[in-house]
C-alpha atoms as a PDB file:
ATOM      1  CA  MET A   1     125.397 142.691 117.752  1.00  0.00           C
ATOM      2  CA  ALA A   2     125.937 139.837 120.228  1.00  0.00           C
ATOM      3  CA  PHE A   3     127.566 142.255 122.669  1.00  0.00           C
ATOM      4  CA  ILE A   4     124.647 144.690 122.438  1.00  0.00           C
ATOM      5  CA  THR A   5     122.140 141.880 123.005  1.00  0.00           C
ATOM      6  CA  ILE A   6     123.948 140.714 126.128  1.00  0.00           C
ATOM      7  CA  LYS A   7     124.083 144.273 127.444  1.00  0.00           C
ATOM      8  CA  LYS A   8     120.360 144.759 126.944  1.00  0.00           C
ATOM      9  CA  LYS A   9     119.608 141.493 128.732  1.00  0.00           C
ATOM     10  CA  THR A  10     121.831 142.575 131.603  1.00  0.00           C
ATOM     11  CA  ILE A  11     120.066 145.921 131.880  1.00  0.00           C
ATOM     12  CA  VAL A  12     116.669 144.231 131.871  1.00  0.00           C
ATOM     13  CA  ALA A  13     117.783 141.814 134.569  1.00  0.00           C
ATOM     14  CA  VAL A  14     119.145 144.629 136.764  1.00  0.00           C
ATOM     15  CA  LEU A  15     115.970 146.657 136.315  1.00  0.00           C
ATOM     16  CA  SER A  16     113.873 143.663 137.300  1.00  0.00           C
ATOM     17  CA  VAL A  17     115.839 143.293 140.525  1.00  0.00           C
ATOM     18  CA  VAL A  18     115.570 147.014 141.298  1.00  0.00           C
ATOM     19  CA  LEU A  19     111.818 147.052 140.683  1.00  0.00           C
ATOM     20  CA  ALA A  20     111.394 144.010 142.891  1.00  0.00           C
ATOM     21  CA  LEU A  21     113.317 145.710 145.676  1.00  0.00           C
ATOM     22  CA  ILE A  22     111.234 148.865 145.322  1.00  0.00           C
ATOM     23  CA  ALA A  23     108.060 146.812 145.497  1.00  0.00           C
ATOM     24  CA  ALA A  24     109.303 145.046 148.608  1.00  0.00           C
ATOM     25  CA  VAL A  25     110.216 148.307 150.314  1.00  0.00           C
ATOM     26  CA  THR A  26     106.857 149.836 149.391  1.00  0.00           C
ATOM     27  CA  THR A  27     105.023 146.821 150.779  1.00  0.00           C
ATOM     28  CA  ALA A  28     107.030 146.972 154.012  1.00  0.00           C
ATOM     29  CA  ALA A  29     106.324 150.696 154.371  1.00  0.00           C
ATOM     30  CA  THR A  30     102.621 150.094 153.879  1.00  0.00           C
ATOM     31  CA  VAL A  31     102.599 147.443 156.601  1.00  0.00           C
ATOM     32  CA  ILE A  32     104.438 149.718 159.017  1.00  0.00           C
ATOM     33  CA  ALA A  33     102.127 152.630 158.292  1.00  0.00           C
ATOM     34  CA  SER A  34      98.995 150.533 158.692  1.00  0.00           C
ATOM     35  CA  ALA A  35     100.263 149.260 162.056  1.00  0.00           C
ATOM     36  CA  LYS A  36     100.255 152.817 163.422  1.00  0.00           C
ATOM     37  CA  THR A  37      96.602 153.269 164.266  1.00  0.00           C
ATOM     38  CA  SER A  38      95.450 156.738 165.246  1.00  0.00           C
ATOM     39  CA  ASN A  39      94.035 157.208 168.723  1.00  0.00           C
ATOM     40  CA  GLY A  40      91.794 159.988 167.405  1.00  0.00           C
ATOM     41  CA  ILE A  41      93.451 162.734 169.482  1.00  0.00           C
ATOM     42  CA  THR A  42      94.803 165.839 167.739  1.00  0.00           C
ATOM     43  CA  ILE A  43      97.526 167.937 169.370  1.00  0.00           C
ATOM     44  CA  VAL A  44      98.979 171.189 168.062  1.00  0.00           C
ATOM     45  CA  ILE A  45     102.553 171.827 169.196  1.00  0.00           C
ATOM     46  CA  ASP A  46     103.547 175.466 168.988  1.00  0.00           C
ATOM     47  CA  ALA A  47     107.286 176.167 168.990  1.00  0.00           C
ATOM     48  CA  GLY A  48     107.420 179.689 170.367  1.00  0.00           C
ATOM     49  CA  HIS A  49     108.991 182.553 168.389  1.00  0.00           C
ATOM     50  CA  GLY A  50     110.799 182.002 165.067  1.00  0.00           C
ATOM     51  CA  GLY A  51     112.058 184.047 162.147  1.00  0.00           C
ATOM     52  CA  ALA A  52     113.321 187.470 163.192  1.00  0.00           C
ATOM     53  CA  ASP A  53     111.894 186.880 166.664  1.00  0.00           C
ATOM     54  CA  GLY A  54     114.456 184.724 168.422  1.00  0.00           C
ATOM     55  CA  GLY A  55     112.933 185.158 171.873  1.00  0.00           C
ATOM     56  CA  VAL A  56     115.270 185.377 174.855  1.00  0.00           C
ATOM     57  CA  THR A  57     118.925 184.356 174.648  1.00  0.00           C
ATOM     58  CA  GLY A  58     121.158 182.214 176.824  1.00  0.00           C
ATOM     59  CA  ILE A  59     123.060 184.089 179.520  1.00  0.00           C
ATOM     60  CA  THR A  60     126.331 182.319 178.703  1.00  0.00           C
ATOM     61  CA  THR A  61     126.135 181.022 175.140  1.00  0.00           C
ATOM     62  CA  GLY A  62     123.688 183.472 173.588  1.00  0.00           C
ATOM     63  CA  THR A  63     121.648 180.546 172.254  1.00  0.00           C
ATOM     64  CA  LYS A  64     118.321 181.687 170.828  1.00  0.00           C
ATOM     65  CA  GLU A  65     115.200 180.522 172.587  1.00  0.00           C
ATOM     66  CA  SER A  66     113.466 179.943 169.250  1.00  0.00           C
ATOM     67  CA  ASP A  67     116.013 177.254 168.340  1.00  0.00           C
ATOM     68  CA  VAL A  68     115.639 175.422 171.654  1.00  0.00           C
ATOM     69  CA  ASN A  69     111.845 175.628 171.423  1.00  0.00           C
ATOM     70  CA  LEU A  70     111.824 174.133 167.942  1.00  0.00           C
ATOM     71  CA  SER A  71     114.100 171.264 168.897  1.00  0.00           C
ATOM     72  CA  ILE A  72     111.967 170.310 171.914  1.00  0.00           C
ATOM     73  CA  ALA A  73     108.779 170.645 169.839  1.00  0.00           C
ATOM     74  CA  LYS A  74     110.117 168.259 167.186  1.00  0.00           C
ATOM     75  CA  TYR A  75     111.138 165.651 169.753  1.00  0.00           C
ATOM     76  CA  LEU A  76     107.735 165.945 171.402  1.00  0.00           C
ATOM     77  CA  ALA A  77     105.973 165.585 168.052  1.00  0.00           C
ATOM     78  CA  LYS A  78     107.918 162.399 167.324  1.00  0.00           C
ATOM     79  CA  TYR A  79     107.043 160.805 170.665  1.00  0.00           C
ATOM     80  CA  LEU A  80     103.363 161.645 170.274  1.00  0.00           C
ATOM     81  CA  GLN A  81     103.142 160.566 166.631  1.00  0.00           C
ATOM     82  CA  ASN A  82     104.767 157.226 167.424  1.00  0.00           C
ATOM     83  CA  ASP A  83     102.029 156.680 169.997  1.00  0.00           C
ATOM     84  CA  GLY A  84      99.183 157.328 167.543  1.00  0.00           C
ATOM     85  CA  TYR A  85      98.484 161.010 168.191  1.00  0.00           C
ATOM     86  CA  ASN A  86      97.671 163.283 165.261  1.00  0.00           C
ATOM     87  CA  VAL A  87     100.255 166.069 165.624  1.00  0.00           C
ATOM     88  CA  ILE A  88     100.449 169.453 163.918  1.00  0.00           C
ATOM     89  CA  LEU A  89     103.469 171.738 164.360  1.00  0.00           C
ATOM     90  CA  THR A  90     102.844 175.463 163.972  1.00  0.00           C
ATOM     91  CA  ARG A  91     106.386 175.674 162.583  1.00  0.00           C
ATOM     92  CA  SER A  92     108.837 172.977 161.599  1.00  0.00           C
ATOM     93  CA  ASN A  93     111.846 175.169 160.769  1.00  0.00           C
ATOM     94  CA  SER A  94     113.510 178.394 161.917  1.00  0.00           C
ATOM     95  CA  SER A  95     111.210 180.636 159.862  1.00  0.00           C
ATOM     96  CA  ALA A  96     108.277 182.583 161.250  1.00  0.00           C
ATOM     97  CA  VAL A  97     104.896 180.841 161.099  1.00  0.00           C
ATOM     98  CA  SER A  98     103.471 183.558 158.850  1.00  0.00           C
ATOM     99  CA  GLY A  99     106.404 183.341 156.410  1.00  0.00           C
ATOM    100  CA  GLY A 100     108.028 186.245 154.554  1.00  0.00           C
ATOM    101  CA  LYS A 101     109.072 189.406 156.376  1.00  0.00           C
ATOM    102  CA  TYR A 102     108.406 189.048 160.093  1.00  0.00           C
ATOM    103  CA  ASN A 103     105.362 190.775 161.523  1.00  0.00           C
ATOM    104  CA  LYS A 104     104.413 189.937 165.114  1.00  0.00           C
ATOM    105  CA  ARG A 105     100.675 190.377 164.626  1.00  0.00           C
ATOM    106  CA  GLU A 106     100.576 188.334 161.428  1.00  0.00           C
ATOM    107  CA  ASP A 107     102.697 185.631 163.004  1.00  0.00           C
ATOM    108  CA  MET A 108     100.354 185.248 165.962  1.00  0.00           C
ATOM    109  CA  ARG A 109      97.314 185.296 163.682  1.00  0.00           C
ATOM    110  CA  ALA A 110      98.875 182.492 161.632  1.00  0.00           C
ATOM    111  CA  ARG A 111      99.180 180.392 164.781  1.00  0.00           C
ATOM    112  CA  LYS A 112      95.535 181.036 165.620  1.00  0.00           C
ATOM    113  CA  ASP A 113      94.510 180.034 162.093  1.00  0.00           C
ATOM    114  CA  ILE A 114      96.260 176.678 162.546  1.00  0.00           C
ATOM    115  CA  LEU A 115      94.256 176.043 165.709  1.00  0.00           C
ATOM    116  CA  THR A 116      91.002 177.011 164.036  1.00  0.00           C
ATOM    117  CA  LYS A 117      91.703 174.754 161.063  1.00  0.00           C
ATOM    118  CA  ASN A 118      92.602 171.666 163.098  1.00  0.00           C
ATOM    119  CA  SER A 119      90.289 171.882 166.164  1.00  0.00           C
ATOM    120  CA  PRO A 120      92.858 170.267 168.483  1.00  0.00           C
ATOM    121  CA  ASP A 121      92.125 168.364 171.669  1.00  0.00           C
ATOM    122  CA  LEU A 122      95.152 170.095 173.191  1.00  0.00           C
ATOM    123  CA  VAL A 123      97.539 172.927 172.331  1.00  0.00           C
ATOM    124  CA  ILE A 124     101.069 172.827 173.761  1.00  0.00           C
ATOM    125  CA  SER A 125     103.183 175.954 173.325  1.00  0.00           C
ATOM    126  CA  VAL A 126     106.895 175.368 173.982  1.00  0.00           C
ATOM    127  CA  HIS A 127     109.057 178.191 175.361  1.00  0.00           C
ATOM    128  CA  CYS A 128     112.085 178.975 177.500  1.00  0.00           C
ATOM    129  CA  ASN A 129     111.950 181.543 180.271  1.00  0.00           C
ATOM    130  CA  SER A 130     114.085 184.490 181.392  1.00  0.00           C
ATOM    131  CA  TYR A 131     114.230 186.529 184.603  1.00  0.00           C
ATOM    132  CA  PRO A 132     116.386 189.435 185.842  1.00  0.00           C
ATOM    133  CA  VAL A 133     117.468 187.396 188.874  1.00  0.00           C
ATOM    134  CA  SER A 134     119.777 184.735 187.432  1.00  0.00           C
ATOM    135  CA  SER A 135     119.311 182.308 190.318  1.00  0.00           C
ATOM    136  CA  VAL A 136     115.684 181.624 189.292  1.00  0.00           C
ATOM    137  CA  LYS A 137     115.372 178.320 187.431  1.00  0.00           C
ATOM    138  CA  GLY A 138     113.088 175.392 186.672  1.00  0.00           C
ATOM    139  CA  ALA A 139     110.317 174.366 184.278  1.00  0.00           C
ATOM    140  CA  GLN A 140     106.813 175.745 184.713  1.00  0.00           C
ATOM    141  CA  THR A 141     103.437 175.484 182.975  1.00  0.00           C
ATOM    142  CA  PHE A 142     100.813 178.164 182.375  1.00  0.00           C
ATOM    143  CA  TYR A 143      97.126 178.150 181.477  1.00  0.00           C
ATOM    144  CA  SER A 144      94.341 180.699 181.122  1.00  0.00           C
ATOM    145  CA  SER A 145      91.153 178.641 181.243  1.00  0.00           C
ATOM    146  CA  SER A 146      89.643 175.864 183.297  1.00  0.00           C
ATOM    147  CA  VAL A 147      89.910 173.436 180.378  1.00  0.00           C
ATOM    148  CA  GLY A 148      93.654 174.059 180.170  1.00  0.00           C
ATOM    149  CA  GLU A 149      94.261 174.110 183.907  1.00  0.00           C
ATOM    150  CA  ARG A 150      93.976 170.338 184.362  1.00  0.00           C
ATOM    151  CA  PHE A 151      96.539 169.631 181.631  1.00  0.00           C
ATOM    152  CA  ALA A 152      98.883 172.316 182.986  1.00  0.00           C
ATOM    153  CA  ARG A 153      98.769 170.867 186.491  1.00  0.00           C
ATOM    154  CA  ILE A 154      99.461 167.337 185.283  1.00  0.00           C
ATOM    155  CA  VAL A 155     102.427 168.458 183.167  1.00  0.00           C
ATOM    156  CA  GLN A 156     103.710 170.561 186.075  1.00  0.00           C
ATOM    157  CA  ASN A 157     103.626 167.540 188.381  1.00  0.00           C
ATOM    158  CA  TYR A 158     105.755 165.632 185.854  1.00  0.00           C
ATOM    159  CA  PHE A 159     108.138 168.595 185.558  1.00  0.00           C
ATOM    160  CA  ASN A 160     108.544 168.630 189.333  1.00  0.00           C
ATOM    161  CA  ASP A 161     109.131 164.878 189.502  1.00  0.00           C
ATOM    162  CA  VAL A 162     111.593 164.679 186.610  1.00  0.00           C
ATOM    163  CA  LEU A 163     113.169 168.083 185.897  1.00  0.00           C
ATOM    164  CA  ASN A 164     112.925 170.445 188.862  1.00  0.00           C
ATOM    165  CA  ASP A 165     115.032 170.242 192.011  1.00  0.00           C
ATOM    166  CA  ARG A 166     112.576 172.673 193.592  1.00  0.00           C
ATOM    167  CA  PRO A 167     108.822 172.268 192.900  1.00  0.00           C
ATOM    168  CA  ARG A 168     107.027 174.987 190.966  1.00  0.00           C
ATOM    169  CA  GLN A 169     103.295 175.512 190.537  1.00  0.00           C
ATOM    170  CA  ALA A 170     101.212 175.693 187.369  1.00  0.00           C
ATOM    171  CA  ALA A 171     100.008 179.276 187.061  1.00  0.00           C
ATOM    172  CA  VAL A 172      97.577 181.467 185.168  1.00  0.00           C
ATOM    173  CA  GLY A 173      99.311 183.160 182.229  1.00  0.00           C
ATOM    174  CA  ASP A 174      98.126 185.959 179.980  1.00  0.00           C
ATOM    175  CA  TYR A 175      99.591 184.725 176.696  1.00  0.00           C
ATOM    176  CA  TYR A 176      98.079 185.076 173.236  1.00  0.00           C
ATOM    177  CA  ILE A 177      98.356 181.386 172.376  1.00  0.00           C
ATOM    178  CA  LEU A 178      96.389 180.535 175.533  1.00  0.00           C
ATOM    179  CA  ASN A 179      93.661 183.079 174.875  1.00  0.00           C
ATOM    180  CA  CYS A 180      93.137 182.955 171.104  1.00  0.00           C
ATOM    181  CA  SER A 181      90.929 179.857 170.993  1.00  0.00           C
ATOM    182  CA  GLU A 182      88.497 177.787 173.032  1.00  0.00           C
ATOM    183  CA  TYR A 183      90.680 174.669 172.802  1.00  0.00           C
ATOM    184  CA  PRO A 184      92.520 173.359 175.894  1.00  0.00           C
ATOM    185  CA  SER A 185      95.881 175.128 175.808  1.00  0.00           C
ATOM    186  CA  ILE A 186      99.003 175.153 177.951  1.00  0.00           C
ATOM    187  CA  LEU A 187     102.307 176.972 177.700  1.00  0.00           C
ATOM    188  CA  CYS A 188     105.422 175.140 178.871  1.00  0.00           C
ATOM    189  CA  GLU A 189     108.367 177.266 179.985  1.00  0.00           C
ATOM    190  CA  CYS A 190     110.996 174.533 179.880  1.00  0.00           C
ATOM    191  CA  GLY A 191     113.616 176.326 181.947  1.00  0.00           C
ATOM    192  CA  PHE A 192     115.378 179.667 182.326  1.00  0.00           C
ATOM    193  CA  LEU A 193     117.974 180.656 179.738  1.00  0.00           C
ATOM    194  CA  SER A 194     118.868 183.439 182.183  1.00  0.00           C
ATOM    195  CA  ASN A 195     120.122 180.787 184.612  1.00  0.00           C
ATOM    196  CA  ALA A 196     123.492 179.301 183.696  1.00  0.00           C
ATOM    197  CA  GLN A 197     122.644 175.863 185.087  1.00  0.00           C
ATOM    198  CA  ASP A 198     119.357 175.629 183.206  1.00  0.00           C
ATOM    199  CA  GLU A 199     120.955 177.011 180.057  1.00  0.00           C
ATOM    200  CA  SER A 200     123.775 174.457 180.085  1.00  0.00           C
ATOM    201  CA  LYS A 201     121.154 171.693 179.994  1.00  0.00           C
ATOM    202  CA  LEU A 202     118.622 173.327 177.660  1.00  0.00           C
ATOM    203  CA  ILE A 203     121.135 173.648 174.825  1.00  0.00           C
ATOM    204  CA  THR A 204     121.862 169.899 174.767  1.00  0.00           C
ATOM    205  CA  ALA A 205     119.932 167.402 172.658  1.00  0.00           C
ATOM    206  CA  SER A 206     119.768 164.892 175.516  1.00  0.00           C
ATOM    207  CA  TYR A 207     118.010 167.332 177.847  1.00  0.00           C
ATOM    208  CA  GLN A 208     115.713 168.584 175.090  1.00  0.00           C
ATOM    209  CA  GLN A 209     114.675 164.960 174.540  1.00  0.00           C
ATOM    210  CA  LYS A 210     114.189 164.549 178.290  1.00  0.00           C
ATOM    211  CA  ILE A 211     111.882 167.568 178.438  1.00  0.00           C
ATOM    212  CA  ALA A 212     109.934 166.373 175.408  1.00  0.00           C
ATOM    213  CA  TYR A 213     109.519 162.887 176.853  1.00  0.00           C
ATOM    214  CA  THR A 214     108.384 164.324 180.184  1.00  0.00           C
ATOM    215  CA  ILE A 215     105.673 166.388 178.469  1.00  0.00           C
ATOM    216  CA  TYR A 216     104.708 163.395 176.326  1.00  0.00           C
ATOM    217  CA  SER A 217     104.368 161.167 179.412  1.00  0.00           C
ATOM    218  CA  ALA A 218     102.201 163.750 181.171  1.00  0.00           C
ATOM    219  CA  VAL A 219      99.959 164.156 178.125  1.00  0.00           C
ATOM    220  CA  CYS A 220      99.489 160.390 177.840  1.00  0.00           C
ATOM    221  CA  SER A 221      98.609 160.249 181.526  1.00  0.00           C
ATOM    222  CA  ALA A 222      96.035 163.020 181.118  1.00  0.00           C
ATOM    223  CA  PHE A 223      94.298 161.429 178.151  1.00  0.00           C
ATOM    224  CA  ASN A 224      94.434 157.953 179.670  1.00  0.00           C
ATOM    225  CA  ASP A 225      92.639 159.344 182.728  1.00  0.00           C
ATOM    226  CA  ASP A 226      89.969 160.734 180.377  1.00  0.00           C
ATOM    227  CA  THR A 227      89.584 157.334 178.713  1.00  0.00           C
ATOM    228  CA  ASN A 228      89.310 155.452 181.989  1.00  0.00           C
ATOM    229  CA  SER A 229      86.983 157.901 183.732  1.00  0.00           C
END
């Protein structure tokens, strides 16, 4: 009986320590969370393609565009969230946005529904480009409305300063994600998977992070200009 009593006391003591540690961790987490104040700006990040639709593929490695898009989108989301932005990803894994068996129309409608539900201050669709002439390279932004044009031009300027060895221009693009809502929307083609030099960079985590941080910096600049105007 003495042995059993000692064992029970030991268990109680261990449990007390564990519960104290849990309480301490919970308190710390609460403090950290409360320190992250929202700036009141909502951004939807749309990782292009997904599911059965892999998009274009790398000229050398065959890497799927959808995978590169998702990786850049996640890095971008992290940078923005850490700076107080409210971020919604249209997809956070390799599946299609609509789920289940892939249907292009349903998938695009699902993306539109996310925009309608969240009323974002900005929509950023992340893609990689392809072109029959393999020498064409560089990151480029697209827009379809005047409200998106300003954001596209600012991001393009950052692309030219940080990523492109030859400047490109923001351009009008006839893409569903740009036309399906009234919210400011831009589409970022982060490079050409049909160009071996671009591809070799786009498939690396370091360059994906660099692209994401470049977009993040441009977005912060755009909204800071709004605040100070």
